[in-house]
C-alpha atoms as a PDB file:
ATOM      1  CA  MET A   1       0.000   0.000   0.000  1.00  0.00           C
ATOM      2  CA  ASP A   2       1.039   3.636  -0.439  1.00  0.00           C
ATOM      3  CA  SER A   3       0.775   4.134   3.337  1.00  0.00           C
ATOM      4  CA  GLU A   4       0.448   1.972   6.412  1.00  0.00           C
ATOM      5  CA  PRO A   5      -2.959   0.272   6.638  1.00  0.00           C
ATOM      6  CA  TYR A   6      -5.528   1.920   8.892  1.00  0.00           C
ATOM      7  CA  ILE A   7      -8.637  -0.231   9.200  1.00  0.00           C
ATOM      8  CA  SER A   8     -12.233   0.978   9.413  1.00  0.00           C
ATOM      9  CA  VAL A   9     -14.451  -1.678  10.986  1.00  0.00           C
ATOM     10  CA  LEU A  10     -18.041  -0.960   9.921  1.00  0.00           C
ATOM     11  CA  VAL A  11     -20.600  -2.754  12.109  1.00  0.00           C
ATOM     12  CA  THR A  12     -24.089  -2.759  10.574  1.00  0.00           C
ATOM     13  CA  ALA A  13     -27.395  -3.581  12.289  1.00  0.00           C
ATOM     14  CA  HIS A  14     -30.983  -3.456  11.008  1.00  0.00           C
ATOM     15  CA  TYR A  15     -33.461  -3.574  13.921  1.00  0.00           C
ATOM     16  CA  ARG A  16     -31.643  -6.555  15.479  1.00  0.00           C
ATOM     17  CA  LYS A  17     -30.188  -5.736  18.920  1.00  0.00           C
ATOM     18  CA  LYS A  18     -29.530  -9.133  20.467  1.00  0.00           C
ATOM     19  CA  TYR A  19     -25.932  -9.694  19.378  1.00  0.00           C
ATOM     20  CA  LEU A  20     -24.740  -6.175  18.537  1.00  0.00           C
ATOM     21  CA  LEU A  21     -22.692  -5.418  21.658  1.00  0.00           C
ATOM     22  CA  GLU A  22     -21.046  -8.829  21.421  1.00  0.00           C
ATOM     23  CA  ALA A  23     -20.027  -8.074  17.829  1.00  0.00           C
ATOM     24  CA  VAL A  24     -18.632  -4.650  18.740  1.00  0.00           C
ATOM     25  CA  ARG A  25     -16.761  -6.049  21.738  1.00  0.00           C
ATOM     26  CA  SER A  26     -15.082  -8.614  19.479  1.00  0.00           C
ATOM     27  CA  ALA A  27     -13.830  -5.786  17.257  1.00  0.00           C
ATOM     28  CA  LEU A  28     -12.449  -3.910  20.257  1.00  0.00           C
ATOM     29  CA  ASP A  29     -10.765  -6.909  21.914  1.00  0.00           C
ATOM     30  CA  GLN A  30      -8.109  -7.345  19.247  1.00  0.00           C
ATOM     31  CA  THR A  31      -4.356  -7.937  19.354  1.00  0.00           C
ATOM     32  CA  LEU A  32      -3.899  -5.107  16.848  1.00  0.00           C
ATOM     33  CA  PRO A  33      -3.132  -1.822  18.670  1.00  0.00           C
ATOM     34  CA  ARG A  34      -6.193   0.394  18.938  1.00  0.00           C
ATOM     35  CA  ASN A  35      -4.462   3.283  17.173  1.00  0.00           C
ATOM     36  CA  LYS A  36      -4.349   1.248  13.957  1.00  0.00           C
ATOM     37  CA  TYR A  37      -8.114   0.929  13.475  1.00  0.00           C
ATOM     38  CA  GLU A  38     -11.485   2.515  14.180  1.00  0.00           C
ATOM     39  CA  VAL A  39     -14.903   0.995  14.889  1.00  0.00           C
ATOM     40  CA  ILE A  40     -18.085   2.606  13.549  1.00  0.00           C
ATOM     41  CA  VAL A  41     -21.581   1.248  14.212  1.00  0.00           C
ATOM     42  CA  VAL A  42     -24.331   1.992  11.676  1.00  0.00           C
ATOM     43  CA  LYS A  43     -27.852   1.056  12.774  1.00  0.00           C
ATOM     44  CA  ASN A  44     -31.454   2.077  12.189  1.00  0.00           C
ATOM     45  CA  PHE A  45     -32.579   2.239  15.821  1.00  0.00           C
ATOM     46  CA  SER A  46     -31.831   3.928  19.119  1.00  0.00           C
ATOM     47  CA  ASP A  47     -31.460   1.993  22.354  1.00  0.00           C
ATOM     48  CA  ASP A  48     -30.419   3.529  25.661  1.00  0.00           C
ATOM     49  CA  THR A  49     -28.459   0.511  26.860  1.00  0.00           C
ATOM     50  CA  ILE A  50     -26.648  -0.113  23.565  1.00  0.00           C
ATOM     51  CA  ASP A  51     -25.995   3.581  22.902  1.00  0.00           C
ATOM     52  CA  GLY A  52     -24.660   4.022  26.435  1.00  0.00           C
ATOM     53  CA  LYS A  53     -22.222   1.130  26.044  1.00  0.00           C
ATOM     54  CA  LEU A  54     -21.002   2.341  22.656  1.00  0.00           C
ATOM     55  CA  LYS A  55     -20.345   5.805  24.138  1.00  0.00           C
ATOM     56  CA  GLU A  56     -18.547   4.240  27.106  1.00  0.00           C
ATOM     57  CA  TRP A  57     -16.341   2.208  24.754  1.00  0.00           C
ATOM     58  CA  GLY A  58     -15.529   5.220  22.587  1.00  0.00           C
ATOM     59  CA  VAL A  59     -17.250   3.785  19.529  1.00  0.00           C
ATOM     60  CA  THR A  60     -18.733   6.100  16.890  1.00  0.00           C
ATOM     61  CA  SER A  61     -22.408   5.342  16.244  1.00  0.00           C
ATOM     62  CA  VAL A  62     -24.639   6.706  13.498  1.00  0.00           C
ATOM     63  CA  LEU A  63     -28.344   6.297  12.745  1.00  0.00           C
ATOM     64  CA  SER A  64     -29.143   5.315   9.174  1.00  0.00           C
ATOM     65  CA  SER A  65     -32.529   5.445   7.462  1.00  0.00           C
ATOM     66  CA  LYS A  66     -31.356   3.260   4.586  1.00  0.00           C
ATOM     67  CA  GLU A  67     -32.993  -0.172   4.256  1.00  0.00           C
ATOM     68  CA  GLY A  68     -30.215  -2.067   2.495  1.00  0.00           C
ATOM     69  CA  VAL A  69     -26.932  -3.265   3.970  1.00  0.00           C
ATOM     70  CA  GLY A  70     -25.083  -1.484   1.172  1.00  0.00           C
ATOM     71  CA  GLY A  71     -26.678   1.810   2.163  1.00  0.00           C
ATOM     72  CA  LYS A  72     -25.585   1.368   5.765  1.00  0.00           C
ATOM     73  CA  LEU A  73     -22.023   0.553   4.686  1.00  0.00           C
ATOM     74  CA  TYR A  74     -22.124   3.683   2.527  1.00  0.00           C
ATOM     75  CA  ASP A  75     -23.136   5.799   5.534  1.00  0.00           C
ATOM     76  CA  GLY A  76     -20.325   4.233   7.550  1.00  0.00           C
ATOM     77  CA  LEU A  77     -17.772   4.888   4.822  1.00  0.00           C
ATOM     78  CA  ARG A  78     -18.701   8.568   4.738  1.00  0.00           C
ATOM     79  CA  LEU A  79     -17.690   8.851   8.407  1.00  0.00           C
ATOM     80  CA  SER A  80     -14.638   6.600   8.244  1.00  0.00           C
ATOM     81  CA  VAL A  81     -11.023   7.507   7.513  1.00  0.00           C
ATOM     82  CA  GLY A  82      -9.430   4.082   7.005  1.00  0.00           C
ATOM     83  CA  ASN A  83      -7.782   2.986   3.774  1.00  0.00           C
ATOM     84  CA  VAL A  84      -8.884  -0.594   4.512  1.00  0.00           C
ATOM     85  CA  VAL A  85     -12.551  -1.470   5.117  1.00  0.00           C
ATOM     86  CA  ALA A  86     -13.625  -4.447   7.243  1.00  0.00           C
ATOM     87  CA  PRO A  87     -17.419  -4.970   7.485  1.00  0.00           C
ATOM     88  CA  LEU A  88     -18.845  -6.744  10.531  1.00  0.00           C
ATOM     89  CA  GLU A  89     -22.467  -7.840  10.656  1.00  0.00           C
ATOM     90  CA  ASP A  90     -24.175  -7.412  14.018  1.00  0.00           C
ATOM     91  CA  ASP A  91     -24.675 -11.156  14.592  1.00  0.00           C
ATOM     92  CA  ASP A  92     -21.064 -12.179  13.773  1.00  0.00           C
ATOM     93  CA  ARG A  93     -17.810 -11.800  15.701  1.00  0.00           C
ATOM     94  CA  PHE A  94     -14.130 -11.363  14.941  1.00  0.00           C
ATOM     95  CA  VAL A  95     -11.584 -13.772  16.409  1.00  0.00           C
ATOM     96  CA  PHE A  96      -9.189 -11.685  18.544  1.00  0.00           C
ATOM     97  CA  THR A  97      -6.330 -11.942  16.003  1.00  0.00           C
ATOM     98  CA  ARG A  98      -8.352 -11.060  12.914  1.00  0.00           C
ATOM     99  CA  LEU A  99      -7.475  -7.389  12.541  1.00  0.00           C
ATOM    100  CA  GLN A 100      -3.803  -8.134  13.162  1.00  0.00           C
ATOM    101  CA  ARG A 101      -3.848 -10.570  10.239  1.00  0.00           C
ATOM    102  CA  VAL A 102      -5.794  -8.126   8.064  1.00  0.00           C
ATOM    103  CA  HIS A 103      -3.240  -5.409   8.819  1.00  0.00           C
ATOM    104  CA  GLU A 104      -0.371  -7.758   7.929  1.00  0.00           C
ATOM    105  CA  GLN A 105      -1.984  -8.794   4.642  1.00  0.00           C
ATOM    106  CA  PHE A 106      -2.623  -5.236   3.462  1.00  0.00           C
ATOM    107  CA  SER A 107       0.900  -4.226   4.475  1.00  0.00           C
ATOM    108  CA  LEU A 108       2.016  -6.775   1.862  1.00  0.00           C
ATOM    109  CA  GLY A 109      -0.048  -5.118  -0.893  1.00  0.00           C
ATOM    110  CA  VAL A 110      -3.220  -7.212  -0.882  1.00  0.00           C
ATOM    111  CA  ASP A 111      -6.343  -5.522  -2.322  1.00  0.00           C
ATOM    112  CA  TYR A 112      -8.995  -7.994  -1.115  1.00  0.00           C
ATOM    113  CA  PHE A 113      -8.769 -10.458   1.766  1.00  0.00           C
ATOM    114  CA  HIS A 114     -11.229 -13.220   2.675  1.00  0.00           C
ATOM    115  CA  ASN A 115     -10.697 -15.594   5.583  1.00  0.00           C
ATOM    116  CA  GLY A 116     -12.100 -18.848   6.875  1.00  0.00           C
ATOM    117  CA  ARG A 117     -14.872 -18.928   9.455  1.00  0.00           C
ATOM    118  CA  ILE A 118     -16.260 -20.903  12.366  1.00  0.00           C
ATOM    119  CA  ASN A 119     -19.999 -21.463  11.964  1.00  0.00           C
ATOM    120  CA  VAL A 120     -22.096 -21.354  15.144  1.00  0.00           C
ATOM    121  CA  ASN A 121     -25.800 -21.652  15.878  1.00  0.00           C
ATOM    122  CA  GLU A 122     -28.026 -19.116  17.615  1.00  0.00           C
ATOM    123  CA  GLU A 123     -26.649 -20.060  21.037  1.00  0.00           C
ATOM    124  CA  GLY A 124     -23.033 -19.834  19.858  1.00  0.00           C
ATOM    125  CA  LYS A 125     -22.394 -23.584  19.634  1.00  0.00           C
ATOM    126  CA  GLU A 126     -19.962 -24.542  16.876  1.00  0.00           C
ATOM    127  CA  ILE A 127     -21.599 -26.432  14.000  1.00  0.00           C
ATOM    128  CA  GLY A 128     -18.878 -26.359  11.354  1.00  0.00           C
ATOM    129  CA  ARG A 129     -15.754 -24.759   9.921  1.00  0.00           C
ATOM    130  CA  GLU A 130     -14.812 -23.642   6.437  1.00  0.00           C
ATOM    131  CA  GLY A 131     -11.748 -22.103   4.865  1.00  0.00           C
ATOM    132  CA  HIS A 132      -9.745 -22.199   1.628  1.00  0.00           C
ATOM    133  CA  ASP A 133      -6.251 -21.228   0.491  1.00  0.00           C
ATOM    134  CA  LEU A 134      -6.026 -19.227  -2.727  1.00  0.00           C
ATOM    135  CA  LEU A 135      -4.098 -16.237  -4.096  1.00  0.00           C
ATOM    136  CA  ILE A 136      -5.053 -14.797  -7.476  1.00  0.00           C
ATOM    137  CA  LYS A 137      -3.963 -11.748  -9.453  1.00  0.00           C
ATOM    138  CA  THR A 138      -6.823 -10.233 -11.410  1.00  0.00           C
ATOM    139  CA  SER A 139      -4.457  -9.434 -14.299  1.00  0.00           C
ATOM    140  CA  GLU A 140      -4.082 -13.207 -14.748  1.00  0.00           C
ATOM    141  CA  MET A 141      -7.781 -13.993 -14.280  1.00  0.00           C
ATOM    142  CA  ASN A 142      -9.632 -16.421 -16.549  1.00  0.00           C
ATOM    143  CA  GLU A 143     -12.935 -18.295 -16.414  1.00  0.00           C
ATOM    144  CA  ARG A 144     -11.380 -21.312 -14.696  1.00  0.00           C
ATOM    145  CA  LYS A 145     -10.082 -19.121 -11.873  1.00  0.00           C
ATOM    146  CA  ILE A 146     -13.422 -17.344 -11.512  1.00  0.00           C
ATOM    147  CA  ARG A 147     -15.113 -20.716 -11.189  1.00  0.00           C
ATOM    148  CA  LYS A 148     -12.599 -21.656  -8.503  1.00  0.00           C
ATOM    149  CA  ILE A 149     -13.435 -18.445  -6.646  1.00  0.00           C
ATOM    150  CA  ILE A 150     -17.160 -19.259  -6.782  1.00  0.00           C
ATOM    151  CA  VAL A 151     -16.729 -22.893  -5.726  1.00  0.00           C
ATOM    152  CA  ASN A 152     -14.534 -21.848  -2.778  1.00  0.00           C
ATOM    153  CA  GLY A 153     -17.079 -19.241  -1.679  1.00  0.00           C
ATOM    154  CA  MET A 154     -14.394 -16.541  -1.664  1.00  0.00           C
ATOM    155  CA  TRP A 155     -17.195 -13.983  -1.462  1.00  0.00           C
ATOM    156  CA  TYR A 156     -19.221 -15.555   1.333  1.00  0.00           C
ATOM    157  CA  ASN A 157     -20.006 -13.628   4.543  1.00  0.00           C
ATOM    158  CA  ALA A 158     -19.168  -9.919   4.577  1.00  0.00           C
ATOM    159  CA  SER A 159     -17.710 -10.249   8.090  1.00  0.00           C
ATOM    160  CA  SER A 160     -14.970 -12.444   6.595  1.00  0.00           C
ATOM    161  CA  ILE A 161     -13.952  -9.775   4.049  1.00  0.00           C
ATOM    162  CA  ALA A 162     -11.605  -6.789   4.112  1.00  0.00           C
ATOM    163  CA  LEU A 163     -10.660  -4.677   1.108  1.00  0.00           C
ATOM    164  CA  LYS A 164      -9.024  -1.433   0.053  1.00  0.00           C
ATOM    165  CA  ARG A 165     -11.307   1.554   0.283  1.00  0.00           C
ATOM    166  CA  THR A 166     -10.178   2.840  -3.121  1.00  0.00           C
ATOM    167  CA  ILE A 167     -11.596  -0.118  -5.044  1.00  0.00           C
ATOM    168  CA  ILE A 168     -15.159   0.429  -3.781  1.00  0.00           C
ATOM    169  CA  ASP A 169     -17.597   2.337  -5.987  1.00  0.00           C
ATOM    170  CA  GLN A 170     -19.510   3.973  -3.152  1.00  0.00           C
ATOM    171  CA  GLU A 171     -22.390   5.179  -5.321  1.00  0.00           C
ATOM    172  CA  LEU A 172     -23.032   1.605  -6.445  1.00  0.00           C
ATOM    173  CA  LEU A 173     -22.604   0.290  -2.897  1.00  0.00           C
ATOM    174  CA  ARG A 174     -25.429   2.479  -1.586  1.00  0.00           C
ATOM    175  CA  LYS A 175     -27.829   0.727  -4.008  1.00  0.00           C
ATOM    176  CA  VAL A 176     -26.991  -2.807  -2.801  1.00  0.00           C
ATOM    177  CA  SER A 177     -29.791  -4.393  -0.792  1.00  0.00           C
ATOM    178  CA  ILE A 178     -28.834  -7.771   0.673  1.00  0.00           C
ATOM    179  CA  THR A 179     -25.711  -9.103  -1.091  1.00  0.00           C
ATOM    180  CA  PRO A 180     -22.838  -6.882   0.110  1.00  0.00           C
ATOM    181  CA  ASP A 181     -20.437  -9.842   0.209  1.00  0.00           C
ATOM    182  CA  VAL A 182     -20.903 -10.677  -3.486  1.00  0.00           C
ATOM    183  CA  PHE A 183     -20.674  -6.970  -4.319  1.00  0.00           C
ATOM    184  CA  LEU A 184     -17.371  -6.473  -2.474  1.00  0.00           C
ATOM    185  CA  LEU A 185     -15.679  -9.302  -4.382  1.00  0.00           C
ATOM    186  CA  HIS A 186     -17.223  -7.942  -7.582  1.00  0.00           C
ATOM    187  CA  GLN A 187     -15.481  -4.633  -6.802  1.00  0.00           C
ATOM    188  CA  ALA A 188     -12.159  -6.382  -6.206  1.00  0.00           C
ATOM    189  CA  LEU A 189     -12.456  -8.122  -9.572  1.00  0.00           C
ATOM    190  CA  CYS A 190     -13.195  -4.727 -11.171  1.00  0.00           C
ATOM    191  CA  ARG A 191     -10.458  -2.615  -9.653  1.00  0.00           C
ATOM    192  CA  GLY A 192      -8.234  -4.740  -7.444  1.00  0.00           C
ATOM    193  CA  GLU A 193      -5.079  -6.665  -8.347  1.00  0.00           C
ATOM    194  CA  VAL A 194      -4.190  -9.130  -5.578  1.00  0.00           C
ATOM    195  CA  ILE A 195      -7.022 -11.093  -3.965  1.00  0.00           C
ATOM    196  CA  VAL A 196      -6.402 -13.602  -1.199  1.00  0.00           C
ATOM    197  CA  ASP A 197      -8.515 -16.358   0.336  1.00  0.00           C
ATOM    198  CA  SER A 198      -7.008 -17.543   3.619  1.00  0.00           C
ATOM    199  CA  PRO A 199      -7.924 -20.789   5.436  1.00  0.00           C
ATOM    200  CA  GLU A 200      -7.336 -19.050   8.789  1.00  0.00           C
ATOM    201  CA  LEU A 201     -10.493 -19.183  10.916  1.00  0.00           C
ATOM    202  CA  LEU A 202     -10.745 -15.516  11.841  1.00  0.00           C
ATOM    203  CA  THR A 203     -14.529 -14.920  11.836  1.00  0.00           C
ATOM    204  CA  ILE A 204     -17.318 -16.464  13.882  1.00  0.00           C
ATOM    205  CA  TYR A 205     -20.389 -16.651  11.644  1.00  0.00           C
ATOM    206  CA  ARG A 206     -23.746 -17.113  13.349  1.00  0.00           C
ATOM    207  CA  ILE A 207     -26.449 -19.067  11.507  1.00  0.00           C
ATOM    208  CA  HIS A 208     -30.040 -18.500  12.653  1.00  0.00           C
ATOM    209  CA  SER A 209     -33.524 -18.042  11.199  1.00  0.00           C
ATOM    210  CA  ASN A 210     -33.148 -14.276  10.753  1.00  0.00           C
ATOM    211  CA  ASN A 211     -30.153 -14.561   8.410  1.00  0.00           C
ATOM    212  CA  THR A 212     -31.445 -17.478   6.343  1.00  0.00           C
ATOM    213  CA  ARG A 213     -34.474 -17.818   4.089  1.00  0.00           C
ATOM    214  CA  LEU A 214     -36.205 -20.139   6.576  1.00  0.00           C
ATOM    215  CA  ALA A 215     -39.345 -19.046   8.455  1.00  0.00           C
ATOM    216  CA  ASN A 216     -41.760 -20.806  10.831  1.00  0.00           C
ATOM    217  CA  SER A 217     -43.802 -22.557   8.139  1.00  0.00           C
ATOM    218  CA  VAL A 218     -43.585 -23.726   4.541  1.00  0.00           C
ATOM    219  CA  LYS A 219     -45.822 -20.889   3.320  1.00  0.00           C
ATOM    220  CA  GLU A 220     -43.898 -18.196   5.224  1.00  0.00           C
ATOM    221  CA  THR A 221     -40.592 -19.628   4.014  1.00  0.00           C
ATOM    222  CA  LEU A 222     -41.671 -19.571   0.366  1.00  0.00           C
ATOM    223  CA  ILE A 223     -42.866 -15.967   0.655  1.00  0.00           C
ATOM    224  CA  LYS A 224     -39.608 -14.983   2.386  1.00  0.00           C
ATOM    225  CA  PHE A 225     -37.643 -16.928  -0.241  1.00  0.00           C
ATOM    226  CA  SER A 226     -39.472 -15.120  -3.052  1.00  0.00           C
ATOM    227  CA  ASP A 227     -38.797 -11.696  -1.550  1.00  0.00           C
ATOM    228  CA  ALA A 228     -35.093 -12.410  -0.911  1.00  0.00           C
ATOM    229  CA  THR A 229     -34.617 -13.837  -4.403  1.00  0.00           C
ATOM    230  CA  GLN A 230     -36.040 -10.699  -6.014  1.00  0.00           C
ATOM    231  CA  LYS A 231     -33.705  -8.496  -3.946  1.00  0.00           C
ATOM    232  CA  ASN A 232     -30.757 -10.701  -4.883  1.00  0.00           C
ATOM    233  CA  MET A 233     -31.590 -10.395  -8.575  1.00  0.00           C
ATOM    234  CA  SER A 234     -31.787  -6.616  -8.297  1.00  0.00           C
ATOM    235  CA  ASP A 235     -28.339  -6.497  -6.673  1.00  0.00           C
ATOM    236  CA  GLU A 236     -26.814  -8.895  -9.173  1.00  0.00           C
ATOM    237  CA  LEU A 237     -28.271  -7.089 -12.181  1.00  0.00           C
ATOM    238  CA  LEU A 238     -26.629  -3.919 -10.836  1.00  0.00           C
ATOM    239  CA  MET A 239     -23.278  -5.756 -10.799  1.00  0.00           C
ATOM    240  CA  VAL A 240     -23.706  -7.231 -14.279  1.00  0.00           C
ATOM    241  CA  GLU A 241     -24.452  -3.771 -15.676  1.00  0.00           C
ATOM    242  CA  ASN A 242     -21.503  -2.133 -13.906  1.00  0.00           C
ATOM    243  CA  GLY A 243     -18.195  -3.881 -14.223  1.00  0.00           C
ATOM    244  CA  ASN A 244     -15.527  -5.299 -16.483  1.00  0.00           C
ATOM    245  CA  GLN A 245     -15.633  -8.628 -18.313  1.00  0.00           C
ATOM    246  CA  THR A 246     -14.269 -10.560 -15.328  1.00  0.00           C
ATOM    247  CA  SER A 247     -16.617  -9.120 -12.729  1.00  0.00           C
ATOM    248  CA  ARG A 248     -19.635  -9.468 -15.044  1.00  0.00           C
ATOM    249  CA  PHE A 249     -18.910 -13.165 -15.607  1.00  0.00           C
ATOM    250  CA  PHE A 250     -18.715 -13.572 -11.825  1.00  0.00           C
ATOM    251  CA  ALA A 251     -21.988 -11.694 -11.206  1.00  0.00           C
ATOM    252  CA  LYS A 252     -23.860 -13.492 -14.007  1.00  0.00           C
ATOM    253  CA  TYR A 253     -23.452 -16.782 -12.158  1.00  0.00           C
ATOM    254  CA  PHE A 254     -25.443 -15.429  -9.198  1.00  0.00           C
ATOM    255  CA  LEU A 255     -28.003 -13.638 -11.376  1.00  0.00           C
ATOM    256  CA  ILE A 256     -28.788 -16.755 -13.432  1.00  0.00           C
ATOM    257  CA  ARG A 257     -28.927 -18.908 -10.301  1.00  0.00           C
ATOM    258  CA  GLU A 258     -31.492 -16.567  -8.723  1.00  0.00           C
ATOM    259  CA  LYS A 259     -33.503 -16.438 -11.965  1.00  0.00           C
ATOM    260  CA  LEU A 260     -33.660 -20.235 -11.965  1.00  0.00           C
ATOM    261  CA  ILE A 261     -34.639 -20.331  -8.298  1.00  0.00           C
ATOM    262  CA  PHE A 262     -37.378 -17.744  -8.811  1.00  0.00           C
ATOM    263  CA  ASN A 263     -38.770 -19.640 -11.806  1.00  0.00           C
ATOM    264  CA  SER A 264     -38.748 -22.867  -9.790  1.00  0.00           C
ATOM    265  CA  LEU A 265     -40.906 -21.405  -6.993  1.00  0.00           C
ATOM    266  CA  PRO A 266     -44.675 -22.097  -7.014  1.00  0.00           C
ATOM    267  CA  ARG A 267     -46.352 -19.052  -8.584  1.00  0.00           C
ATOM    268  CA  THR A 268     -48.927 -19.003  -5.782  1.00  0.00           C
ATOM    269  CA  TYR A 269     -46.280 -17.478  -3.522  1.00  0.00           C
ATOM    270  CA  LEU A 270     -44.756 -15.018  -5.989  1.00  0.00           C
ATOM    271  CA  SER A 271     -45.472 -11.295  -5.775  1.00  0.00           C
ATOM    272  CA  SER A 272     -44.376 -10.701  -9.381  1.00  0.00           C
ATOM    273  CA  VAL A 273     -43.968 -12.525 -12.677  1.00  0.00           C
ATOM    274  CA  PRO A 274     -40.734 -14.566 -12.845  1.00  0.00           C
ATOM    275  CA  PRO A 275     -38.013 -13.085 -15.076  1.00  0.00           C
ATOM    276  CA  GLN A 276     -37.602 -14.686 -18.467  1.00  0.00           C
ATOM    277  CA  LEU A 277     -34.684 -17.066 -18.848  1.00  0.00           C
ATOM    278  CA  THR A 278     -32.856 -16.550 -22.124  1.00  0.00           C
ATOM    279  CA  PHE A 279     -31.146 -19.215 -24.196  1.00  0.00           C
ATOM    280  CA  SER A 280     -27.777 -17.644 -23.354  1.00  0.00           C
ATOM    281  CA  ASP A 281     -28.654 -17.868 -19.622  1.00  0.00           C
ATOM    282  CA  LEU A 282     -29.235 -21.596 -19.954  1.00  0.00           C
ATOM    283  CA  LEU A 283     -26.059 -22.134 -21.974  1.00  0.00           C
ATOM    284  CA  LEU A 284     -24.014 -20.263 -19.407  1.00  0.00           C
ATOM    285  CA  TRP A 285     -25.593 -22.245 -16.567  1.00  0.00           C
ATOM    286  CA  LEU A 286     -24.730 -25.475 -18.392  1.00  0.00           C
ATOM    287  CA  SER A 287     -21.122 -24.312 -18.570  1.00  0.00           C
ATOM    288  CA  TYR A 288     -21.172 -23.811 -14.797  1.00  0.00           C
ATOM    289  CA  LEU A 289     -22.620 -27.292 -14.344  1.00  0.00           C
ATOM    290  CA  PHE A 290     -19.634 -28.902 -16.022  1.00  0.00           C
ATOM    291  CA  TRP A 291     -17.507 -27.877 -13.045  1.00  0.00           C
ATOM    292  CA  ARG A 292     -20.207 -28.559 -10.461  1.00  0.00           C
ATOM    293  CA  PHE A 293     -21.477 -31.784 -11.992  1.00  0.00           C
ATOM    294  CA  ARG A 294     -21.564 -33.527  -8.606  1.00  0.00           C
ATOM    295  CA  ALA A 295     -24.006 -31.006  -7.142  1.00  0.00           C
ATOM    296  CA  PRO A 296     -27.528 -32.345  -7.868  1.00  0.00           C
ATOM    297  CA  ASN A 297     -29.226 -29.158  -6.633  1.00  0.00           C
ATOM    298  CA  TYR A 298     -27.642 -27.189  -9.471  1.00  0.00           C
ATOM    299  CA  TRP A 299     -28.946 -29.667 -12.064  1.00  0.00           C
ATOM    300  CA  ALA A 300     -32.367 -29.620 -10.408  1.00  0.00           C
ATOM    301  CA  LEU A 301     -32.622 -25.877 -11.015  1.00  0.00           C
ATOM    302  CA  LEU A 302     -32.760 -26.571 -14.756  1.00  0.00           C
ATOM    303  CA  ILE A 303     -35.649 -29.014 -14.348  1.00  0.00           C
ATOM    304  CA  LEU A 304     -37.800 -27.460 -11.606  1.00  0.00           C
ATOM    305  CA  PRO A 305     -39.013 -24.443 -13.641  1.00  0.00           C
ATOM    306  CA  LEU A 306     -40.478 -26.837 -16.241  1.00  0.00           C
ATOM    307  CA  LEU A 307     -42.570 -28.852 -13.767  1.00  0.00           C
ATOM    308  CA  PRO A 308     -46.337 -28.436 -13.149  1.00  0.00           C
ATOM    309  CA  GLU A 309     -47.341 -26.180 -10.270  1.00  0.00           C
ATOM    310  CA  ARG A 310     -48.571 -28.964  -7.974  1.00  0.00           C
ATOM    311  CA  ILE A 311     -45.287 -30.868  -8.316  1.00  0.00           C
ATOM    312  CA  LYS A 312     -43.299 -27.722  -7.566  1.00  0.00           C
ATOM    313  CA  ILE A 313     -45.344 -27.210  -4.395  1.00  0.00           C
ATOM    314  CA  THR A 314     -44.759 -30.824  -3.301  1.00  0.00           C
ATOM    315  CA  ILE A 315     -40.998 -30.660  -3.926  1.00  0.00           C
ATOM    316  CA  TRP A 316     -40.556 -27.323  -2.175  1.00  0.00           C
ATOM    317  CA  ARG A 317     -42.715 -28.411   0.769  1.00  0.00           C
ATOM    318  CA  LYS A 318     -40.590 -31.519   1.325  1.00  0.00           C
ATOM    319  CA  LYS A 319     -37.348 -29.567   0.945  1.00  0.00           C
ATOM    320  CA  ILE A 320     -38.411 -26.869   3.400  1.00  0.00           C
ATOM    321  CA  GLU A 321     -39.777 -29.359   5.941  1.00  0.00           C
ATOM    322  CA  MET A 322     -36.412 -31.128   5.872  1.00  0.00           C
ATOM    323  CA  GLU A 323     -34.546 -27.825   6.323  1.00  0.00           C
ATOM    324  CA  LEU A 324     -36.815 -26.752   9.184  1.00  0.00           C
ATOM    325  CA  LYS A 325     -36.352 -30.109  10.897  1.00  0.00           C
ATOM    326  CA  ARG A 326     -32.588 -29.848  10.473  1.00  0.00           C
ATOM    327  CA  ALA A 327     -32.572 -26.290  11.837  1.00  0.00           C
ATOM    328  CA  LEU A 328     -34.320 -27.445  14.997  1.00  0.00           C
ATOM    329  CA  THR A 329     -31.605 -30.044  15.638  1.00  0.00           C
ATOM    330  CA  ILE A 330     -28.662 -27.645  15.226  1.00  0.00           C
END
């Protein structure tokens, strides 16, 4: 980097209060000296207890009226001074060495850093781990490497990402609704050079009903799924329309996947007409399937949209009932 890294940790919260102080505390209890980073909380609510603690801890807090996560990150960026940005969602936590490792990576000239994570349930019990080891220069990028990035989930979970401030198009960011993690990697593919995926488990990622598409019933889940899918498509279309060849190829994968999902949903639960799938969409999805040929769910997305409504309802009901049952046992 041109200067020593100074990290802006942007903690975002939308109505949810339960885990926020725990998330902020994890950002403060770091091995990295406090004069090398700042913590800014962006939320859409006031709370005497939370606001009092943030003031006591010397944490900057700002109220945001923006609905989307991208809008909240935008508001945080406007207040921040760091040349490295590290998002933290209110229900996640940083491992105490995370910012030290982020600082070290950006001191070496990295533009985008993604680390491994420990998955926990609502109570904080560990339910899995995931991490990958990959270093790619965007100047040497090709379709095979982009596919590797997607398979590894190098974009997954914004709390596991840090990137240079200068590669973020802030005006685009403010329009992003619910996929900030995909957007941040999209930005790195547009304007970054060195992107790193580290297997180090530096983030604790909490999985619960409020950050998945599951609800209390099959009907509620399908309605929630429909709404989230439409927001995803809006975000991904924004990325496809604004980027270079590499970043557009990356974003098209997610856009086509969401189109297929939306077309596979029973129309009874849709609030709008499903987007039309073009022949080029299907050809591109087939090309993705050649490197994910062992994933039956990806093949099923080609078939489900063609099935009669009653069969769609039966398949989705069974799938959701299984997911709900599994969620109760986690």
